[in-house]
Amino acid sequence: MFIVETPLTRVIAELNLKQVKIIEGPVIRTGAQGAIESVYLYDPDGNLIELSNYIDGEASA
């Protein structure tokens, strides 16, 4: 999983521009430090990648 600082809506827009297929999402899940919103895609080698934002904008301490 990769936590990204860029809002997920912008990440999704960029992925769509580059014709990257989103496998699932955006979906809300529970992360290690709070609720996250995630999208899933495969990298060129076939590895599943999760890109996420904490819903409140930052991880809770």
C-alpha atoms as a PDB file:
ATOM      1  CA  MET A   1       0.000   0.000   0.000  1.00  0.00           C
ATOM      2  CA  PHE A   2       1.146   3.498  -0.805  1.00  0.00           C
ATOM      3  CA  ILE A   3      -0.281   6.482   1.071  1.00  0.00           C
ATOM      4  CA  VAL A   4      -0.287   9.421  -1.340  1.00  0.00           C
ATOM      5  CA  GLU A   5      -0.544  13.093  -0.397  1.00  0.00           C
ATOM      6  CA  THR A   6      -2.242  14.033  -3.665  1.00  0.00           C
ATOM      7  CA  PRO A   7      -6.047  13.845  -3.373  1.00  0.00           C
ATOM      8  CA  LEU A   8      -7.267  10.512  -4.696  1.00  0.00           C
ATOM      9  CA  THR A   9      -9.586  12.228  -7.191  1.00  0.00           C
ATOM     10  CA  ARG A  10      -6.526  13.817  -8.827  1.00  0.00           C
ATOM     11  CA  VAL A  11      -4.639  10.506  -8.764  1.00  0.00           C
ATOM     12  CA  ILE A  12      -7.579   8.778 -10.469  1.00  0.00           C
ATOM     13  CA  ALA A  13      -7.798  11.544 -13.089  1.00  0.00           C
ATOM     14  CA  GLU A  14      -4.077  11.175 -13.868  1.00  0.00           C
ATOM     15  CA  LEU A  15      -4.363   7.381 -14.098  1.00  0.00           C
ATOM     16  CA  ASN A  16      -7.314   7.756 -16.478  1.00  0.00           C
ATOM     17  CA  LEU A  17      -5.331  10.192 -18.659  1.00  0.00           C
ATOM     18  CA  LYS A  18      -2.558   7.611 -18.897  1.00  0.00           C
ATOM     19  CA  GLN A  19      -5.114   4.855 -19.648  1.00  0.00           C
ATOM     20  CA  VAL A  20      -4.183   2.877 -16.540  1.00  0.00           C
ATOM     21  CA  LYS A  21      -6.933   0.406 -15.700  1.00  0.00           C
ATOM     22  CA  ILE A  22      -8.249   0.770 -12.151  1.00  0.00           C
ATOM     23  CA  ILE A  23      -9.148  -2.696 -10.868  1.00  0.00           C
ATOM     24  CA  GLU A  24     -11.247  -1.540  -7.922  1.00  0.00           C
ATOM     25  CA  GLY A  25     -12.155   1.684  -6.215  1.00  0.00           C
ATOM     26  CA  PRO A  26     -12.328   4.123  -4.903  1.00  0.00           C
ATOM     27  CA  VAL A  27     -13.329   2.150  -1.810  1.00  0.00           C
ATOM     28  CA  ILE A  28     -13.221   2.955   1.892  1.00  0.00           C
ATOM     29  CA  ARG A  29     -11.178   0.598   4.054  1.00  0.00           C
ATOM     30  CA  THR A  30      -9.681   0.578   7.530  1.00  0.00           C
ATOM     31  CA  GLY A  31      -5.963   1.331   7.487  1.00  0.00           C
ATOM     32  CA  ALA A  32      -3.427   0.876  10.271  1.00  0.00           C
ATOM     33  CA  GLN A  33      -3.976   4.438  11.508  1.00  0.00           C
ATOM     34  CA  GLY A  34      -7.553   5.194  10.491  1.00  0.00           C
ATOM     35  CA  ALA A  35     -10.032   5.117   7.629  1.00  0.00           C
ATOM     36  CA  ILE A  36      -8.559   5.251   4.124  1.00  0.00           C
ATOM     37  CA  GLU A  37      -9.918   5.618   0.625  1.00  0.00           C
ATOM     38  CA  SER A  38      -8.114   3.396  -1.875  1.00  0.00           C
ATOM     39  CA  VAL A  39      -7.864   2.493  -5.541  1.00  0.00           C
ATOM     40  CA  TYR A  40      -6.241  -0.676  -6.859  1.00  0.00           C
ATOM     41  CA  LEU A  41      -4.324  -1.240 -10.088  1.00  0.00           C
ATOM     42  CA  TYR A  42      -1.680  -3.546 -11.513  1.00  0.00           C
ATOM     43  CA  ASP A  43       1.837  -2.377 -12.308  1.00  0.00           C
ATOM     44  CA  PRO A  44       3.467  -3.469 -15.604  1.00  0.00           C
ATOM     45  CA  ASP A  45       4.869  -6.600 -13.898  1.00  0.00           C
ATOM     46  CA  GLY A  46       1.413  -7.688 -12.710  1.00  0.00           C
ATOM     47  CA  ASN A  47       1.816  -6.691  -9.057  1.00  0.00           C
ATOM     48  CA  LEU A  48      -1.315  -5.372  -7.356  1.00  0.00           C
ATOM     49  CA  ILE A  49      -0.813  -1.780  -6.185  1.00  0.00           C
ATOM     50  CA  GLU A  50      -2.984   0.050  -3.649  1.00  0.00           C
ATOM     51  CA  LEU A  51      -2.932   3.868  -3.625  1.00  0.00           C
ATOM     52  CA  SER A  52      -4.624   5.455  -0.620  1.00  0.00           C
ATOM     53  CA  ASN A  53      -5.470   8.672   1.196  1.00  0.00           C
ATOM     54  CA  TYR A  54      -6.417   8.873   4.845  1.00  0.00           C
ATOM     55  CA  ILE A  55      -9.979  10.149   4.816  1.00  0.00           C
ATOM     56  CA  ASP A  56      -9.380  12.906   7.359  1.00  0.00           C
ATOM     57  CA  GLY A  57      -6.317  14.043   5.399  1.00  0.00           C
ATOM     58  CA  GLU A  58      -3.721  12.704   7.799  1.00  0.00           C
ATOM     59  CA  ALA A  59      -3.044   9.643   9.903  1.00  0.00           C
ATOM     60  CA  SER A  60      -4.132   9.754  13.506  1.00  0.00           C
ATOM     61  CA  ALA A  61      -1.366   9.421  16.097  1.00  0.00           C
END
